[in-house]
Amino acid sequence: MNERLPTPLRAALLMLGSTALFGLMVVAIRLASASLHTFEIAFFRNFFGLLAALPLLLRHGPAFLRTTQFPRYLFRCLVGVCSMLAGFWAIGHLPLAQAVSLSYATPLFVTIAAAAMLGEQVRARRWAAVVLGFVGVLLIVRPGSAGFSMGTLVALMAALLSSIVAIQIKQLSATEPADRIVIYTTLLWVPMSLVPALGVWEWPVGIVWVWVVAAGVLGTGGHMLWTRALKLGEVSALTPISFMQLPIVVLFGWLLFGESLDRWTVLGALVILVANAYIAHREATLVRRASSEGAGAAAKPGE
């Protein structure tokens, strides 16, 4: 990307590109799910995603894989595969807008997990945002109504497991470079997702190959742009951009699958967006405050 562009603009464009790629990946998964089992789609997404990530390994060399955190990588990837299987099933069986909207619950679960697993202090305003976010989830799920389905619980399970993955990535990032995390993730996901896929194996035929290859390449490409965007910009500013995935999948859901947009899904997604935007803003504010206090303490002589 043009280095002459202002850094915030470059970060925003990278996040927008990442969002578009992830949205198109969702569409490719939905198209593939008409012919293939969810387990197979997950395997092919990981396999072709690994091929797309190989240039990273070639650039760094095999020695780059040396780590003392391998057990944590195993746990992170196992939970990640379970989250992927649940999320892909939701994409294949729920309206696209609903499946994607419920995936936005992940940051809400991350806030809870950070308090429970990392001992992170979460104050009243962030807890209020979490509660607001789950009000949005309830608007989408509507338990007890005619629009409720057990599939929405699968989508929420995917979001919950994804939050555990996010916590693991946060812990790994303290000692591990981003490229090593990406490489290990793709390397481990392939055999882990192959095991359940073998039980339902059926070779893709015809254009289905295009959809599974696209899912792998788009997913890896979206992840690479996402990590680079977060390196350049603040999470609080970039998080709202990620919600542009929703209009992308809504458009393709209407064009390709004849799906109509449910007003409760839209309302719930907007409520979750507001909650997540505030959580991201608050976390960024706390990080800046801690950094400035640390810098001020370091500048004091004799301390």
Protein backbone atom coordinates (compact mmCIF):
# COMPACT_ATOMS: atom_id res chain seq x y z
CA MET A 1 0.00 0.00 0.00
CA ASN A 2 1.14 3.54 -0.76
CA GLU A 3 3.37 4.65 2.13
CA ARG A 4 2.60 8.30 1.35
CA LEU A 5 -0.96 7.90 2.60
CA PRO A 6 -1.57 8.95 6.22
CA THR A 7 -1.16 6.04 8.62
CA PRO A 8 -4.76 6.14 9.94
CA LEU A 9 -6.06 6.06 6.36
CA ARG A 10 -3.82 3.11 5.48
CA ALA A 11 -5.04 1.25 8.57
CA ALA A 12 -8.66 1.95 7.67
CA LEU A 13 -8.17 0.78 4.08
CA LEU A 14 -6.45 -2.40 5.25
CA MET A 15 -9.31 -3.12 7.66
CA LEU A 16 -11.86 -2.42 4.94
CA GLY A 17 -10.01 -4.82 2.63
CA SER A 18 -9.88 -7.44 5.37
CA THR A 19 -13.61 -7.03 6.02
CA ALA A 20 -14.42 -7.43 2.32
CA LEU A 21 -12.31 -10.59 2.05
CA PHE A 22 -13.91 -12.14 5.13
CA GLY A 23 -17.37 -11.27 3.78
CA LEU A 24 -16.60 -12.94 0.46
CA MET A 25 -15.19 -15.95 2.33
CA VAL A 26 -18.55 -16.33 4.07
CA VAL A 27 -20.29 -16.31 0.68
CA ALA A 28 -17.86 -18.94 -0.68
CA ILE A 29 -18.49 -21.17 2.36
CA ARG A 30 -22.24 -20.88 1.88
CA LEU A 31 -21.94 -21.80 -1.81
CA ALA A 32 -19.74 -24.80 -0.99
CA SER A 33 -22.11 -25.97 1.76
CA ALA A 34 -24.75 -26.80 -0.84
CA SER A 35 -22.61 -29.77 -1.92
CA LEU A 36 -20.11 -30.48 0.86
CA HIS A 37 -20.30 -31.24 4.57
CA THR A 38 -19.19 -28.52 6.97
CA PHE A 39 -16.24 -30.65 8.14
CA GLU A 40 -14.88 -30.92 4.60
CA ILE A 41 -15.29 -27.21 3.91
CA ALA A 42 -13.32 -26.43 7.08
CA PHE A 43 -10.52 -28.78 5.99
CA PHE A 44 -10.28 -27.34 2.48
CA ARG A 45 -10.40 -23.80 3.84
CA ASN A 46 -7.45 -24.64 6.09
CA PHE A 47 -5.55 -26.59 3.42
CA PHE A 48 -5.71 -23.86 0.79
CA GLY A 49 -5.20 -21.27 3.50
CA LEU A 50 -1.94 -23.04 4.38
CA LEU A 51 -0.83 -22.88 0.75
CA ALA A 52 -1.58 -19.15 0.75
CA ALA A 53 0.48 -18.72 3.94
CA LEU A 54 3.51 -20.73 2.74
CA PRO A 55 5.35 -17.61 1.48
CA LEU A 56 5.54 -16.50 5.13
CA LEU A 57 7.30 -19.74 6.10
CA LEU A 58 9.63 -19.57 3.09
CA ARG A 59 10.53 -15.99 3.95
CA HIS A 60 11.37 -16.76 7.59
CA GLY A 61 12.77 -20.28 7.20
CA PRO A 62 12.15 -23.46 9.26
CA ALA A 63 14.15 -22.14 12.21
CA PHE A 64 11.42 -19.54 12.70
CA LEU A 65 9.14 -22.31 14.04
CA ARG A 66 11.26 -22.89 17.16
CA THR A 67 9.13 -22.05 20.19
CA THR A 68 8.62 -22.94 23.84
CA GLN A 69 4.87 -22.33 23.51
CA PHE A 70 3.92 -25.38 21.45
CA PRO A 71 1.39 -26.78 24.01
CA ARG A 72 -0.40 -23.43 23.99
CA TYR A 73 -0.46 -23.48 20.19
CA LEU A 74 -2.05 -26.93 20.31
CA PHE A 75 -4.77 -25.80 22.71
CA ARG A 76 -5.41 -22.57 20.79
CA CYS A 77 -5.72 -24.41 17.48
CA LEU A 78 -7.94 -27.19 18.87
CA VAL A 79 -10.40 -24.64 20.26
CA GLY A 80 -10.10 -22.67 17.04
CA VAL A 81 -11.04 -25.68 14.91
CA CYS A 82 -14.11 -26.33 17.06
CA SER A 83 -15.10 -22.69 16.71
CA MET A 84 -14.58 -22.87 12.95
CA LEU A 85 -16.73 -26.00 12.59
CA ALA A 86 -19.56 -24.39 14.55
CA GLY A 87 -19.25 -21.10 12.67
CA PHE A 88 -19.15 -22.77 9.24
CA TRP A 89 -22.20 -24.86 10.15
CA ALA A 90 -24.05 -21.66 11.09
CA ILE A 91 -23.10 -20.05 7.76
CA GLY A 92 -24.43 -23.07 5.88
CA HIS A 93 -27.71 -23.41 7.81
CA LEU A 94 -28.74 -19.93 8.97
CA PRO A 95 -29.52 -16.79 6.96
CA LEU A 96 -26.14 -15.18 6.24
CA ALA A 97 -27.02 -11.91 7.96
CA GLN A 98 -28.04 -13.75 11.13
CA ALA A 99 -24.96 -15.98 11.18
CA VAL A 100 -22.59 -13.03 10.71
CA SER A 101 -24.44 -10.80 13.19
CA LEU A 102 -24.17 -13.43 15.92
CA SER A 103 -20.43 -13.77 15.25
CA TYR A 104 -20.14 -10.18 16.45
CA ALA A 105 -20.84 -11.46 19.96
CA THR A 106 -17.21 -12.60 20.16
CA PRO A 107 -15.86 -9.30 21.63
CA LEU A 108 -18.53 -9.49 24.33
CA PHE A 109 -17.36 -12.96 25.33
CA VAL A 110 -13.72 -11.76 25.11
CA THR A 111 -14.39 -9.10 27.74
CA ILE A 112 -15.87 -11.72 30.07
CA ALA A 113 -13.05 -14.18 29.37
CA ALA A 114 -10.38 -11.51 29.94
CA ALA A 115 -11.81 -10.87 33.40
CA ALA A 116 -12.16 -14.58 34.23
CA MET A 117 -8.97 -15.98 32.64
CA LEU A 118 -6.52 -13.06 32.71
CA GLY A 119 -7.73 -11.29 35.84
CA GLU A 120 -8.25 -8.13 33.78
CA GLN A 121 -10.12 -5.42 35.64
CA VAL A 122 -13.40 -4.60 33.91
CA ARG A 123 -15.23 -1.61 35.32
CA ALA A 124 -18.92 -0.76 35.36
CA ARG A 125 -19.06 1.03 32.00
CA ARG A 126 -17.59 -1.90 30.09
CA TRP A 127 -19.87 -4.35 31.91
CA ALA A 128 -22.80 -2.14 30.94
CA ALA A 129 -21.65 -2.33 27.29
CA VAL A 130 -21.43 -6.13 27.54
CA VAL A 131 -24.99 -6.30 28.90
CA LEU A 132 -26.16 -4.01 26.09
CA GLY A 133 -24.43 -6.26 23.56
CA PHE A 134 -26.23 -9.32 24.86
CA VAL A 135 -29.53 -7.44 24.59
CA GLY A 136 -28.64 -7.18 20.89
CA VAL A 137 -27.95 -10.92 20.80
CA LEU A 138 -31.37 -11.62 22.31
CA LEU A 139 -33.01 -9.40 19.68
CA ILE A 140 -31.43 -11.58 16.98
CA VAL A 141 -32.02 -14.95 18.63
CA ARG A 142 -35.49 -14.16 20.07
CA PRO A 143 -35.81 -17.28 22.27
CA GLY A 144 -39.37 -18.49 22.51
CA SER A 145 -40.46 -16.79 19.29
CA ALA A 146 -41.33 -18.35 15.96
CA GLY A 147 -38.04 -17.06 14.54
CA PHE A 148 -35.91 -18.95 17.08
CA SER A 149 -33.87 -21.97 15.97
CA MET A 150 -31.30 -24.16 17.69
CA GLY A 151 -28.90 -23.16 14.94
CA THR A 152 -28.53 -19.73 16.53
CA LEU A 153 -27.10 -21.43 19.62
CA VAL A 154 -24.48 -23.11 17.42
CA ALA A 155 -23.52 -19.68 16.08
CA LEU A 156 -23.23 -18.34 19.64
CA MET A 157 -21.09 -21.34 20.64
CA ALA A 158 -18.77 -20.46 17.75
CA ALA A 159 -18.51 -16.90 19.09
CA LEU A 160 -17.81 -18.15 22.62
CA LEU A 161 -15.05 -20.49 21.46
CA SER A 162 -13.63 -17.72 19.27
CA SER A 163 -13.32 -15.52 22.35
CA ILE A 164 -11.18 -18.18 24.06
CA VAL A 165 -9.00 -18.25 20.93
CA ALA A 166 -8.66 -14.47 21.10
CA ILE A 167 -7.45 -14.69 24.70
CA GLN A 168 -4.91 -17.35 23.73
CA ILE A 169 -3.65 -15.16 20.87
CA LYS A 170 -3.32 -12.26 23.27
CA GLN A 171 -1.20 -14.39 25.59
CA LEU A 172 0.90 -15.80 22.74
CA SER A 173 1.48 -12.33 21.29
CA ALA A 174 3.33 -11.33 24.44
CA THR A 175 6.26 -13.56 23.43
CA GLU A 176 5.57 -14.78 19.89
CA PRO A 177 5.80 -12.80 16.61
CA ALA A 178 2.57 -12.40 14.63
CA ASP A 179 3.86 -14.33 11.58
CA ARG A 180 4.75 -17.36 13.73
CA ILE A 181 1.23 -17.40 15.17
CA VAL A 182 -0.24 -17.32 11.65
CA ILE A 183 2.07 -20.08 10.39
CA TYR A 184 1.52 -22.41 13.36
CA THR A 185 -2.22 -21.84 13.19
CA THR A 186 -2.45 -22.86 9.54
CA LEU A 187 -0.03 -25.78 10.00
CA LEU A 188 -1.97 -27.27 12.91
CA TRP A 189 -5.45 -26.57 11.61
CA VAL A 190 -4.93 -28.75 8.53
CA PRO A 191 -4.46 -32.13 10.32
CA MET A 192 -6.90 -31.18 13.08
CA SER A 193 -9.69 -30.44 10.59
CA LEU A 194 -8.81 -33.46 8.42
CA VAL A 195 -9.74 -35.94 11.17
CA PRO A 196 -13.49 -35.11 11.29
CA ALA A 197 -13.56 -34.52 7.51
CA LEU A 198 -12.46 -38.11 6.82
CA GLY A 199 -15.64 -39.40 8.43
CA VAL A 200 -17.83 -37.63 5.85
CA TRP A 201 -15.37 -37.48 2.94
CA GLU A 202 -16.63 -36.75 -0.54
CA TRP A 203 -14.47 -35.16 -3.23
CA PRO A 204 -15.64 -31.74 -4.48
CA VAL A 205 -16.73 -31.69 -8.11
CA GLY A 206 -16.88 -28.95 -10.71
CA ILE A 207 -17.27 -25.39 -9.51
CA VAL A 208 -17.27 -26.49 -5.85
CA TRP A 209 -13.48 -26.56 -6.15
CA VAL A 210 -13.60 -22.83 -6.88
CA TRP A 211 -15.60 -22.17 -3.71
CA VAL A 212 -13.33 -24.16 -1.36
CA VAL A 213 -10.14 -22.69 -2.86
CA ALA A 214 -11.66 -19.22 -2.60
CA ALA A 215 -12.61 -19.80 1.05
CA GLY A 216 -9.00 -20.70 1.91
CA VAL A 217 -7.34 -17.87 0.00
CA LEU A 218 -9.86 -15.23 1.06
CA GLY A 219 -9.68 -16.31 4.72
CA THR A 220 -5.88 -16.19 4.87
CA GLY A 221 -5.75 -12.93 2.93
CA GLY A 222 -8.32 -11.36 5.24
CA HIS A 223 -6.36 -12.47 8.31
CA MET A 224 -3.12 -10.98 6.96
CA LEU A 225 -4.74 -7.62 6.18
CA TRP A 226 -6.45 -7.64 9.58
CA THR A 227 -3.20 -8.12 11.53
CA ARG A 228 -1.49 -5.38 9.52
CA ALA A 229 -4.40 -2.98 10.04
CA LEU A 230 -4.28 -3.48 13.81
CA LYS A 231 -0.53 -2.90 13.77
CA LEU A 232 -1.03 0.53 12.16
CA GLY A 233 -4.27 1.73 13.75
CA GLU A 234 -6.21 1.73 16.99
CA VAL A 235 -8.73 -1.02 17.67
CA SER A 236 -11.36 1.52 18.75
CA ALA A 237 -11.20 3.26 15.38
CA LEU A 238 -11.01 0.10 13.27
CA THR A 239 -13.61 -2.11 14.97
CA PRO A 240 -16.67 -0.30 13.48
CA ILE A 241 -15.21 -0.84 9.98
CA SER A 242 -15.33 -4.61 10.48
CA PHE A 243 -19.12 -4.37 10.63
CA MET A 244 -19.13 -3.53 6.92
CA GLN A 245 -19.04 -7.30 6.49
CA LEU A 246 -22.76 -7.36 7.25
CA PRO A 247 -23.97 -5.35 4.22
CA ILE A 248 -21.67 -7.44 2.00
CA VAL A 249 -23.20 -10.74 3.10
CA VAL A 250 -26.71 -9.24 3.10
CA LEU A 251 -26.27 -8.19 -0.53
CA PHE A 252 -24.98 -11.60 -1.64
CA GLY A 253 -27.57 -13.38 0.50
CA TRP A 254 -30.28 -11.52 -1.39
CA LEU A 255 -28.71 -11.87 -4.84
CA LEU A 256 -27.63 -15.52 -4.63
CA PHE A 257 -29.96 -17.14 -2.11
CA GLY A 258 -33.07 -14.96 -2.11
CA GLU A 259 -32.71 -14.15 1.60
CA SER A 260 -34.70 -11.23 2.95
CA LEU A 261 -33.36 -8.96 5.67
CA ASP A 262 -35.01 -9.48 9.05
CA ARG A 263 -35.57 -6.23 10.98
CA TRP A 264 -34.77 -7.91 14.30
CA THR A 265 -31.39 -9.04 12.95
CA VAL A 266 -30.63 -5.49 11.80
CA LEU A 267 -31.67 -3.98 15.13
CA GLY A 268 -29.74 -6.56 17.13
CA ALA A 269 -26.64 -6.12 14.97
CA LEU A 270 -26.74 -2.34 15.47
CA VAL A 271 -27.03 -2.75 19.25
CA ILE A 272 -24.06 -5.17 19.26
CA LEU A 273 -22.11 -2.72 17.07
CA VAL A 274 -22.63 0.11 19.55
CA ALA A 275 -21.60 -2.12 22.46
CA ASN A 276 -18.48 -3.44 20.71
CA ALA A 277 -17.45 0.04 19.54
CA TYR A 278 -17.63 1.33 23.11
CA ILE A 279 -15.72 -1.68 24.49
CA ALA A 280 -12.97 -1.18 21.88
CA HIS A 281 -12.85 2.58 22.58
CA ARG A 282 -12.63 2.01 26.33
CA GLU A 283 -9.90 -0.62 26.04
CA ALA A 284 -7.85 1.67 23.77
CA THR A 285 -8.28 4.53 26.24
CA LEU A 286 -7.05 2.38 29.12
CA VAL A 287 -4.03 1.19 27.10
CA ARG A 288 -3.06 4.78 26.23
CA ARG A 289 -3.51 5.84 29.85
CA ALA A 290 -1.33 3.00 31.11
CA SER A 291 1.34 3.81 28.52
CA SER A 292 1.41 7.50 29.43
CA GLU A 293 1.57 6.73 33.15
CA GLY A 294 4.41 4.26 32.53
CA ALA A 295 6.31 6.79 30.44
CA GLY A 296 5.79 9.46 33.11
CA ALA A 297 7.07 7.18 35.85
CA ALA A 298 10.13 6.27 33.80
CA ALA A 299 10.92 9.94 33.25
CA LYS A 300 11.07 10.68 37.00
CA PRO A 301 14.70 10.69 38.20
CA GLY A 302 15.70 8.51 41.10
CA GLU A 303 12.77 6.11 40.67
